[in-house]
Amino acid sequence: MRHYLLQSADADKDTMSEATILTPAQTDRTAQARVGADDKAMLKAAADLTRDLNTASPAIYWAELIGSAVLGYVALATAIIVASPVAIAISVIVAILALYRAGSFIHELTHLKPNAVPGFSLTWNLIIGIPLLVPSFMYEGVHNQHHAKTYYGTANDPEYLPLALMKPWTLPVFIVSAVLAPIALLFRFGILAPLSLVFPALRTLVVERYSGLQINPAFRRPAPTGDFARQWAWKEAATSIWAIALLAAVATGIIPLRAFAICLGVASGVMLLNQVRTLVAHLWKNDGEPMSVTAQYLDSVNVPPPATLPALWAPVGLRYHALHHLLPGLPYHALGEAHRRISAALDAGSIYHNASYRGLAPLVGRLAASSWRA
């Protein structure tokens, strides 16, 4: 899941953002970023060394999804039932981490080949996407633009903002906005969605502006077509029914306010954790110009072992986000092995190693420093 300002992408736009005045360091990086400046040896090694890793393992996908979902919901129920503040706090933390991991499979849904894991998308939507108000259509058809070679880092990328070049106050706003996302999603599905069926202008607004999980507020999403429109329709209807039922149950006292508040708190925690991960998924230094695949890789982040905490805040392969941009079709469970093979095969001077970082705190510090300098 990538947060979560509920704006949307427009696949038909093809305009780039206007050029800005750059510092010498930014000028050097922008020159490196132009399409065509690829490290062909690195790209070839990455492809050749991982050809046998491209098959998704249904057993791994199912075990991790079901295990994470069960743990998350049991912990959430425990937080609602118990009275001890310590027990509540521990249960809430476990629920956030487990449901965040389960929710992160939305990223895999956008990359899985058809029928690679039969029934996985439907099950994920039923047990995670709809209950957490993030059905997969909110990411499908959006995230793929982030991986398009000519879109990444440009005005056409729904998941990119040049945060390192923006004013420092944008960083805390970027983070804090995630806390309000569950309320925004309840409003989108419980109120706006049914009303938009009556008012066409509102429907256009809902589709264009409030139907995508992305961070670029300038994008407008086109209306879905074909089979995707049918998928969108039933998922949106189911999520709206769930949101309306939830609001009605709270309003009538069927669901106590305390239980509802804990559920909202856990949902906000999931969104917040994902937003923090999003903050350090890239270096966010591109000024809007097209970038080569190599430059896209260098603008992205790997946090490989021996760091251990990324397993919690960047689960389901997200700790290898830079490698994912080199090999977007590789299933998440193969990324660790792919990284080990490529790291061992390429010498110490290879730029492949330049996308690896030590952990969360240094990345946040780096981004904050870049923002202050800019």
Protein backbone atom coordinates (compact mmCIF):
# COMPACT_ATOMS: atom_id res chain seq x y z
CA MET A 1 0.00 0.00 0.00
CA ARG A 2 1.35 3.38 -0.94
CA HIS A 3 -0.24 6.39 0.71
CA TYR A 4 -2.65 7.89 0.60
CA LEU A 5 -3.54 11.33 -0.41
CA LEU A 6 -6.64 10.24 -2.25
CA GLN A 7 -5.82 11.80 -5.57
CA SER A 8 -5.55 10.01 -8.90
CA ALA A 9 -3.60 9.45 -12.10
CA ASP A 10 -4.36 10.26 -15.70
CA ALA A 11 -2.90 7.78 -18.14
CA ASP A 12 -3.62 10.07 -21.08
CA LYS A 13 -1.56 13.03 -19.88
CA ASP A 14 1.87 13.33 -21.41
CA THR A 15 3.09 16.70 -20.27
CA MET A 16 6.21 17.11 -18.21
CA SER A 17 6.62 19.54 -15.35
CA GLU A 18 8.37 22.81 -16.07
CA ALA A 19 12.11 23.01 -15.62
CA THR A 20 13.42 24.50 -12.41
CA ILE A 21 16.62 26.31 -11.52
CA LEU A 22 19.03 23.70 -10.19
CA THR A 23 22.06 23.81 -7.96
CA PRO A 24 25.32 22.40 -9.43
CA ALA A 25 24.82 19.11 -7.55
CA GLN A 26 21.29 18.83 -8.88
CA THR A 27 22.49 19.66 -12.38
CA ASP A 28 25.01 16.80 -12.23
CA ARG A 29 22.35 14.39 -11.10
CA THR A 30 19.85 15.59 -13.69
CA ALA A 31 22.40 15.06 -16.43
CA GLN A 32 22.86 11.50 -15.20
CA ALA A 33 19.09 11.02 -15.11
CA ARG A 34 18.38 11.47 -18.81
CA VAL A 35 16.97 8.54 -20.73
CA GLY A 36 19.76 6.51 -22.31
CA ALA A 37 22.37 6.81 -19.53
CA ASP A 38 21.97 3.18 -18.51
CA ASP A 39 24.57 0.91 -16.97
CA LYS A 40 24.00 -1.92 -19.43
CA ALA A 41 26.34 -4.32 -17.63
CA MET A 42 24.33 -3.97 -14.41
CA LEU A 43 21.01 -4.37 -16.18
CA LYS A 44 22.21 -7.45 -18.05
CA ALA A 45 23.62 -9.04 -14.90
CA ALA A 46 20.38 -8.41 -13.02
CA ALA A 47 18.33 -10.05 -15.75
CA ASP A 48 20.67 -12.99 -16.39
CA LEU A 49 21.26 -13.91 -12.77
CA THR A 50 17.58 -14.03 -11.83
CA ARG A 51 15.88 -15.81 -14.72
CA ASP A 52 15.08 -18.84 -12.56
CA LEU A 53 13.49 -16.70 -9.82
CA ASN A 54 10.55 -15.33 -11.77
CA THR A 55 7.94 -17.89 -10.73
CA ALA A 56 5.70 -16.95 -7.82
CA SER A 57 5.24 -19.54 -5.09
CA PRO A 58 1.52 -19.85 -4.24
CA ALA A 59 2.37 -21.58 -0.96
CA ILE A 60 4.45 -18.61 0.22
CA TYR A 61 1.87 -16.04 -0.88
CA TRP A 62 -1.02 -17.84 0.80
CA ALA A 63 0.86 -18.66 4.01
CA GLU A 64 2.07 -15.09 4.54
CA LEU A 65 -1.24 -13.45 3.66
CA ILE A 66 -3.42 -15.72 5.78
CA GLY A 67 -0.94 -15.80 8.67
CA SER A 68 -0.61 -12.00 8.72
CA ALA A 69 -4.35 -11.43 8.44
CA VAL A 70 -5.22 -13.90 11.21
CA LEU A 71 -2.58 -12.47 13.54
CA GLY A 72 -3.70 -8.92 12.78
CA TYR A 73 -7.38 -9.51 13.40
CA VAL A 74 -6.79 -11.59 16.53
CA ALA A 75 -4.59 -8.81 17.91
CA LEU A 76 -7.22 -6.21 17.00
CA ALA A 77 -9.95 -8.22 18.73
CA THR A 78 -7.71 -8.60 21.77
CA ALA A 79 -7.13 -4.84 21.92
CA ILE A 80 -10.90 -4.30 21.93
CA ILE A 81 -11.63 -6.95 24.57
CA VAL A 82 -8.88 -6.47 27.15
CA ALA A 83 -8.88 -3.71 29.76
CA SER A 84 -5.19 -3.43 30.67
CA PRO A 85 -3.54 -0.39 29.01
CA VAL A 86 -0.33 -2.40 28.53
CA ALA A 87 -2.19 -5.28 26.90
CA ILE A 88 -4.09 -2.85 24.68
CA ALA A 89 -0.87 -1.14 23.59
CA ILE A 90 0.88 -4.42 22.78
CA SER A 91 -2.15 -5.74 20.91
CA VAL A 92 -2.48 -2.53 18.90
CA ILE A 93 1.19 -2.64 17.88
CA VAL A 94 0.92 -6.28 16.81
CA ALA A 95 -2.30 -5.54 14.90
CA ILE A 96 -0.69 -2.61 13.07
CA LEU A 97 2.39 -4.58 12.06
CA ALA A 98 0.45 -7.68 10.98
CA LEU A 99 -2.29 -5.86 9.05
CA TYR A 100 0.32 -3.61 7.45
CA ARG A 101 2.13 -6.69 6.21
CA ALA A 102 -1.10 -8.22 4.92
CA GLY A 103 -2.09 -4.93 3.30
CA SER A 104 1.28 -4.61 1.57
CA PHE A 105 0.28 -7.46 -0.73
CA ILE A 106 -1.70 -4.89 -2.72
CA HIS A 107 1.65 -4.05 -4.27
CA GLU A 108 2.13 -7.64 -5.36
CA LEU A 109 -1.34 -7.75 -6.90
CA THR A 110 -0.30 -5.11 -9.43
CA HIS A 111 2.69 -7.20 -10.56
CA LEU A 112 1.50 -10.81 -10.35
CA LYS A 113 0.96 -12.45 -13.69
CA PRO A 114 -2.61 -13.62 -14.37
CA ASN A 115 -3.34 -16.95 -12.64
CA ALA A 116 0.12 -17.03 -11.04
CA VAL A 117 -1.61 -17.46 -7.68
CA PRO A 118 -5.25 -18.38 -8.44
CA GLY A 119 -7.81 -16.75 -6.18
CA PHE A 120 -5.27 -14.57 -4.40
CA SER A 121 -6.63 -11.22 -5.59
CA LEU A 122 -10.22 -12.10 -4.69
CA THR A 123 -9.24 -13.38 -1.25
CA TRP A 124 -7.04 -10.37 -0.52
CA ASN A 125 -9.89 -8.01 -1.37
CA LEU A 126 -12.37 -9.92 0.77
CA ILE A 127 -10.23 -10.21 3.90
CA ILE A 128 -8.05 -7.09 3.69
CA GLY A 129 -8.89 -4.66 0.90
CA ILE A 130 -12.59 -4.24 1.59
CA PRO A 131 -12.44 -4.36 5.43
CA LEU A 132 -9.61 -1.79 5.47
CA LEU A 133 -11.31 0.33 2.76
CA VAL A 134 -8.46 -0.06 0.28
CA PRO A 135 -9.80 -2.35 -2.47
CA SER A 136 -7.21 -3.25 -5.06
CA PHE A 137 -8.66 -1.03 -7.82
CA MET A 138 -7.30 1.90 -5.83
CA TYR A 139 -3.79 0.74 -6.77
CA GLU A 140 -4.24 -1.31 -9.93
CA GLY A 141 -3.98 0.88 -13.00
CA VAL A 142 -2.11 3.48 -10.95
CA HIS A 143 1.05 1.79 -9.74
CA ASN A 144 1.99 0.52 -13.20
CA GLN A 145 2.52 4.12 -14.33
CA HIS A 146 5.16 4.52 -11.63
CA HIS A 147 7.17 1.79 -13.38
CA ALA A 148 6.77 3.14 -16.90
CA LYS A 149 10.21 4.14 -18.16
CA THR A 150 9.08 7.51 -19.52
CA TYR A 151 6.76 8.30 -16.59
CA TYR A 152 8.89 7.70 -13.49
CA GLY A 153 9.67 10.94 -11.68
CA THR A 154 7.76 13.08 -14.16
CA ALA A 155 4.44 14.88 -13.98
CA ASN A 156 2.83 11.67 -15.22
CA ASP A 157 4.02 9.60 -12.26
CA PRO A 158 1.19 9.24 -9.73
CA GLU A 159 3.57 8.05 -7.02
CA TYR A 160 6.30 10.65 -7.18
CA LEU A 161 6.84 14.05 -5.59
CA PRO A 162 10.26 15.76 -5.55
CA LEU A 163 10.19 15.90 -1.75
CA ALA A 164 13.94 16.49 -1.51
CA LEU A 165 13.52 19.66 -3.59
CA MET A 166 10.40 20.93 -1.80
CA LYS A 167 10.05 23.11 1.28
CA PRO A 168 10.93 21.41 4.60
CA TRP A 169 7.40 21.74 6.00
CA THR A 170 6.11 19.38 3.29
CA LEU A 171 7.76 16.39 5.00
CA PRO A 172 5.82 16.50 8.29
CA VAL A 173 2.61 17.30 6.39
CA PHE A 174 3.29 14.30 4.15
CA ILE A 175 3.60 12.06 7.20
CA VAL A 176 0.76 13.45 9.33
CA SER A 177 -1.75 13.31 6.46
CA ALA A 178 -1.64 9.51 6.65
CA VAL A 179 -3.20 9.55 10.12
CA LEU A 180 -6.40 11.02 8.67
CA ALA A 181 -6.57 8.56 5.76
CA PRO A 182 -9.04 6.10 7.39
CA ILE A 183 -11.54 8.92 7.99
CA ALA A 184 -11.09 10.11 4.40
CA LEU A 185 -11.66 6.58 3.12
CA LEU A 186 -14.83 6.19 5.21
CA PHE A 187 -16.11 9.45 3.72
CA ARG A 188 -15.12 8.42 0.18
CA PHE A 189 -16.84 5.01 0.28
CA GLY A 190 -19.60 5.60 2.81
CA ILE A 191 -20.85 8.98 1.58
CA LEU A 192 -19.30 10.15 -1.69
CA ALA A 193 -19.59 6.84 -3.56
CA PRO A 194 -23.38 6.40 -3.14
CA LEU A 195 -24.04 10.10 -3.74
CA SER A 196 -21.95 10.00 -6.91
CA LEU A 197 -24.39 7.52 -8.41
CA VAL A 198 -27.01 10.28 -8.33
CA PHE A 199 -24.86 13.25 -9.32
CA PRO A 200 -22.72 12.70 -12.48
CA ALA A 201 -20.43 15.66 -11.75
CA LEU A 202 -19.65 14.23 -8.34
CA ARG A 203 -19.01 10.82 -9.91
CA THR A 204 -16.42 12.37 -12.22
CA LEU A 205 -14.75 14.01 -9.22
CA VAL A 206 -14.73 10.77 -7.23
CA VAL A 207 -13.20 8.78 -10.09
CA GLU A 208 -10.63 11.39 -11.07
CA ARG A 209 -9.54 12.63 -7.66
CA TYR A 210 -10.46 10.07 -4.99
CA SER A 211 -9.91 6.65 -6.52
CA GLY A 212 -6.18 6.13 -6.31
CA LEU A 213 -3.56 5.46 -3.63
CA GLN A 214 -0.85 7.85 -4.66
CA ILE A 215 0.97 10.97 -3.58
CA ASN A 216 0.91 13.28 -6.61
CA PRO A 217 -2.08 15.63 -6.14
CA ALA A 218 -1.89 16.93 -9.72
CA PHE A 219 -3.14 13.72 -11.32
CA ARG A 220 -6.57 12.89 -12.59
CA ARG A 221 -7.58 9.30 -13.16
CA PRO A 222 -9.56 8.31 -16.26
CA ALA A 223 -12.76 6.30 -15.93
CA PRO A 224 -12.17 2.54 -16.04
CA THR A 225 -13.13 0.53 -19.10
CA GLY A 226 -13.70 -3.11 -20.07
CA ASP A 227 -13.14 -5.89 -17.56
CA PHE A 228 -11.35 -3.53 -15.19
CA ALA A 229 -14.52 -1.42 -14.99
CA ARG A 230 -16.48 -4.50 -13.93
CA GLN A 231 -13.85 -5.38 -11.32
CA TRP A 232 -13.88 -1.79 -10.07
CA ALA A 233 -17.70 -1.79 -9.84
CA TRP A 234 -18.12 -4.79 -7.56
CA LYS A 235 -15.18 -3.90 -5.35
CA GLU A 236 -16.38 -0.34 -4.92
CA ALA A 237 -19.94 -1.50 -4.24
CA ALA A 238 -18.79 -4.03 -1.64
CA THR A 239 -16.52 -1.49 0.07
CA SER A 240 -19.29 1.12 0.11
CA ILE A 241 -21.76 -1.33 1.64
CA TRP A 242 -19.18 -2.20 4.29
CA ALA A 243 -18.44 1.48 5.04
CA ILE A 244 -22.14 2.36 5.30
CA ALA A 245 -22.83 -0.64 7.53
CA LEU A 246 -19.90 0.28 9.75
CA LEU A 247 -21.02 3.90 10.13
CA ALA A 248 -24.61 2.79 10.79
CA ALA A 249 -23.49 0.28 13.42
CA VAL A 250 -21.50 2.95 15.23
CA ALA A 251 -24.32 5.49 15.00
CA THR A 252 -26.85 3.04 16.45
CA GLY A 253 -24.54 1.79 19.19
CA ILE A 254 -24.18 -1.72 17.81
CA ILE A 255 -20.42 -1.08 17.66
CA PRO A 256 -19.26 0.76 20.82
CA LEU A 257 -17.35 3.98 20.30
CA ARG A 258 -14.37 2.52 22.15
CA ALA A 259 -14.11 -0.42 19.75
CA PHE A 260 -14.54 1.88 16.76
CA ALA A 261 -11.85 4.22 18.05
CA ILE A 262 -9.41 1.33 18.48
CA CYS A 263 -10.14 0.13 14.94
CA LEU A 264 -9.57 3.64 13.58
CA GLY A 265 -6.37 3.90 15.58
CA VAL A 266 -5.04 0.63 14.15
CA ALA A 267 -6.01 1.68 10.62
CA SER A 268 -4.29 5.04 11.12
CA GLY A 269 -1.21 3.25 12.41
CA VAL A 270 -1.11 1.04 9.30
CA MET A 271 -1.40 4.10 7.05
CA LEU A 272 1.21 6.02 9.04
CA LEU A 273 3.71 3.16 8.93
CA ASN A 274 3.23 2.82 5.20
CA GLN A 275 3.66 6.55 4.72
CA VAL A 276 6.96 6.48 6.60
CA ARG A 277 8.12 3.65 4.34
CA THR A 278 7.01 5.61 1.30
CA LEU A 279 9.03 8.59 2.55
CA VAL A 280 12.25 6.56 2.24
CA ALA A 281 11.35 4.38 -0.77
CA HIS A 282 13.08 6.91 -3.04
CA LEU A 283 15.47 9.81 -2.76
CA TRP A 284 12.84 12.06 -4.39
CA LYS A 285 15.41 14.24 -6.16
CA ASN A 286 14.17 14.24 -9.75
CA ASP A 287 13.04 17.61 -11.08
CA GLY A 288 10.46 16.23 -13.51
CA GLU A 289 12.64 15.17 -16.41
CA PRO A 290 12.57 11.59 -17.81
CA MET A 291 15.12 9.25 -16.25
CA SER A 292 16.98 6.21 -17.48
CA VAL A 293 16.30 2.88 -15.80
CA THR A 294 19.67 3.14 -14.06
CA ALA A 295 18.84 6.61 -12.74
CA GLN A 296 15.47 5.38 -11.55
CA TYR A 297 17.28 2.60 -9.70
CA LEU A 298 19.69 5.07 -8.08
CA ASP A 299 16.78 7.27 -7.05
CA SER A 300 15.27 4.25 -5.26
CA VAL A 301 16.29 2.51 -2.06
CA ASN A 302 17.39 -0.94 -0.92
CA VAL A 303 17.75 -1.62 2.81
CA PRO A 304 19.24 -5.13 2.77
CA PRO A 305 20.55 -7.23 5.67
CA PRO A 306 22.23 -7.02 8.12
CA ALA A 307 19.56 -4.43 8.97
CA THR A 308 16.69 -6.27 10.66
CA LEU A 309 14.02 -3.63 11.36
CA PRO A 310 13.17 -3.19 7.64
CA ALA A 311 11.49 -6.60 7.87
CA LEU A 312 8.84 -4.78 9.94
CA TRP A 313 8.55 -1.39 8.23
CA ALA A 314 9.29 -2.56 4.66
CA PRO A 315 7.74 -6.07 4.47
CA VAL A 316 6.76 -8.18 1.46
CA GLY A 317 9.94 -7.34 -0.43
CA LEU A 318 9.62 -3.57 -0.04
CA ARG A 319 13.06 -3.39 1.57
CA TYR A 320 14.43 -4.10 -1.93
CA HIS A 321 12.56 -1.27 -3.61
CA ALA A 322 15.44 -0.22 -5.86
CA LEU A 323 15.95 -3.79 -7.05
CA HIS A 324 12.21 -4.00 -7.65
CA HIS A 325 12.55 -1.09 -10.07
CA LEU A 326 15.16 -3.08 -12.00
CA LEU A 327 13.10 -6.28 -11.95
CA PRO A 328 9.45 -5.33 -11.32
CA GLY A 329 8.16 -8.76 -12.33
CA LEU A 330 10.18 -10.65 -9.73
CA PRO A 331 7.98 -12.03 -6.92
CA TYR A 332 8.67 -10.48 -3.54
CA HIS A 333 9.97 -13.69 -1.97
CA ALA A 334 12.75 -13.90 -4.60
CA LEU A 335 14.15 -10.41 -4.11
CA GLY A 336 16.48 -11.33 -1.24
CA GLU A 337 18.13 -14.12 -3.24
CA ALA A 338 18.29 -11.90 -6.31
CA HIS A 339 20.06 -9.20 -4.31
CA ARG A 340 22.60 -11.68 -2.94
CA ARG A 341 23.39 -13.03 -6.40
CA ILE A 342 23.76 -9.63 -8.04
CA SER A 343 25.80 -8.19 -5.16
CA ALA A 344 28.21 -11.12 -5.31
CA ALA A 345 28.55 -11.04 -9.10
CA LEU A 346 29.20 -7.32 -9.52
CA ASP A 347 32.47 -5.84 -8.28
CA ALA A 348 32.69 -3.26 -5.53
CA GLY A 349 32.86 -0.44 -8.06
CA SER A 350 29.49 -1.26 -9.60
CA ILE A 351 26.82 1.38 -9.11
CA TYR A 352 24.47 -1.43 -8.12
CA HIS A 353 25.79 -1.10 -4.57
CA ASN A 354 25.04 2.64 -4.49
CA ALA A 355 21.33 2.08 -3.92
CA SER A 356 21.81 0.21 -0.62
CA TYR A 357 21.38 2.09 2.66
CA ARG A 358 21.76 1.21 6.34
CA GLY A 359 18.32 1.93 7.73
CA LEU A 360 15.36 4.23 8.24
CA ALA A 361 16.90 6.99 10.35
CA PRO A 362 19.80 7.81 7.96
CA LEU A 363 17.38 7.94 5.03
CA VAL A 364 14.99 10.29 6.82
CA GLY A 365 17.91 12.46 7.85
CA ARG A 366 19.24 12.55 4.30
CA LEU A 367 15.85 13.56 2.92
CA ALA A 368 15.36 16.26 5.54
CA ALA A 369 18.83 17.67 4.85
CA SER A 370 18.16 17.70 1.10
CA SER A 371 14.89 19.52 1.69
CA TRP A 372 16.58 22.17 3.83
CA ARG A 373 19.31 22.71 1.23
CA ALA A 374 16.79 22.97 -1.57
